[in-house]
Protein backbone atom coordinates (compact mmCIF):
# COMPACT_ATOMS: atom_id res chain seq x y z
CA MET A 1 -46.48 -64.94 38.81
CA LYS A 2 -47.31 -68.31 39.81
CA LEU A 3 -44.91 -70.96 38.37
CA SER A 4 -47.88 -72.93 37.17
CA THR A 5 -48.90 -69.79 35.31
CA SER A 6 -45.60 -68.32 34.23
CA VAL A 7 -45.11 -70.69 31.44
CA LYS A 8 -46.65 -69.67 27.93
CA PRO A 9 -46.34 -70.74 24.41
CA ILE A 10 -45.42 -68.27 21.94
CA SER A 11 -48.87 -67.29 20.49
CA TYR A 12 -49.92 -66.29 23.69
CA LEU A 13 -47.01 -63.73 24.34
CA LYS A 14 -47.58 -62.91 20.52
CA ALA A 15 -51.39 -62.43 21.30
CA HIS A 16 -50.72 -60.90 24.53
CA ALA A 17 -47.62 -59.02 24.85
CA SER A 18 -48.66 -55.68 26.07
CA ARG A 19 -50.86 -57.46 28.79
CA LEU A 20 -47.85 -59.73 30.23
CA ILE A 21 -45.25 -56.81 30.12
CA ARG A 22 -47.37 -55.12 32.17
CA GLU A 23 -48.51 -57.71 34.56
CA LEU A 24 -44.64 -58.68 34.82
CA SER A 25 -43.88 -54.97 35.74
CA SER A 26 -46.34 -54.78 38.47
CA HIS A 27 -45.67 -58.07 39.85
CA GLN A 28 -42.01 -58.54 39.21
CA GLY A 29 -41.59 -62.02 37.90
CA THR A 30 -40.45 -64.28 35.27
CA LEU A 31 -42.44 -65.85 32.24
CA ILE A 32 -40.95 -68.82 30.48
CA VAL A 33 -41.91 -69.08 26.68
CA THR A 34 -42.36 -72.17 24.50
CA HIS A 35 -42.27 -73.24 21.24
CA ASN A 36 -43.44 -76.28 19.77
CA GLY A 37 -43.93 -77.31 23.54
CA GLN A 38 -40.09 -76.63 24.49
CA ALA A 39 -39.40 -74.18 26.59
CA LYS A 40 -36.98 -71.46 24.26
CA ALA A 41 -37.33 -68.36 25.71
CA VAL A 42 -37.47 -66.37 29.48
CA LEU A 43 -38.97 -63.08 29.71
CA GLN A 44 -38.57 -60.96 33.22
CA ASP A 45 -39.18 -57.35 34.50
CA ILE A 46 -36.25 -55.10 34.54
CA ARG A 47 -35.98 -55.22 38.24
CA THR A 48 -35.76 -59.15 38.69
CA TYR A 49 -33.24 -58.93 35.46
CA GLU A 50 -31.15 -56.60 37.36
CA GLN A 51 -31.26 -58.22 40.78
CA THR A 52 -30.25 -61.74 38.79
CA GLN A 53 -27.29 -59.69 37.30
CA GLU A 54 -26.33 -58.05 40.46
CA THR A 55 -26.63 -61.75 42.32
CA LEU A 56 -24.28 -63.02 39.98
CA ALA A 57 -21.61 -60.61 39.68
CA LEU A 58 -21.46 -60.95 43.62
CA LEU A 59 -21.11 -65.04 43.17
CA LYS A 60 -18.46 -64.67 40.53
CA MET A 61 -16.57 -61.91 43.15
CA LEU A 62 -16.93 -64.79 45.79
CA THR A 63 -15.93 -67.41 43.50
CA ARG A 64 -12.82 -65.35 42.94
CA SER A 65 -11.72 -64.46 46.54
CA GLN A 66 -12.24 -68.39 47.39
CA GLU A 67 -10.07 -69.41 44.37
CA ASN A 68 -7.53 -66.69 45.54
CA ALA A 69 -7.79 -68.09 48.91
CA LYS A 70 -6.85 -71.44 47.81
CA ARG A 71 -4.21 -70.46 46.27
CA GLY A 72 -2.40 -68.14 49.00
CA LYS A 73 -2.82 -64.99 47.50
CA VAL A 74 -4.37 -63.01 50.10
CA LYS A 75 -3.58 -60.08 52.52
CA THR A 76 -3.75 -58.96 55.37
CA LEU A 77 -6.19 -55.93 56.52
CA ASP A 78 -3.83 -53.46 57.30
CA ALA A 79 -2.31 -54.33 53.73
CA THR A 80 -5.24 -53.80 51.95
CA PHE A 81 -5.87 -50.58 53.52
CA ALA A 82 -2.68 -49.16 53.03
CA SER A 83 -2.75 -50.15 49.31
CA LEU A 84 -6.01 -48.47 49.26
CA GLU A 85 -4.52 -45.48 50.74
CA GLU A 86 -1.65 -45.18 48.28
CA ARG A 87 -3.78 -45.62 45.29
CA ILE A 88 -6.35 -42.61 46.54
CA ARG A 89 -3.14 -40.30 47.03
CA THR A 90 -1.50 -41.30 43.88
CA PHE A 91 -5.10 -40.90 42.25
CA LYS A 92 -5.27 -37.40 44.00
CA ASN A 93 -2.07 -36.11 42.84
CA GLU A 94 -2.67 -37.14 39.21
CA GLU A 95 -5.54 -34.75 38.97
CA VAL A 96 -3.91 -31.81 39.90
């Protein structure tokens, strides 16, 4: 969907919900729903929503990593792998 056609009033959504959902599903997009002339909601196909959520999660992890690096809370690669190996050993011993 083009941005120029992706803004619809709520009355249009009510009248054409099934068609809009089919279009969103097949073309991966976002629809902006207006009420009284103002943008009030967003309707997305599930794949676009999931991609957005994954992107946000990655951005949060990147931000936390940058903050930790600024605070000096970093490990060498060797220390990280050693820590992971210890956690794996501990986990395997708990399963037995």
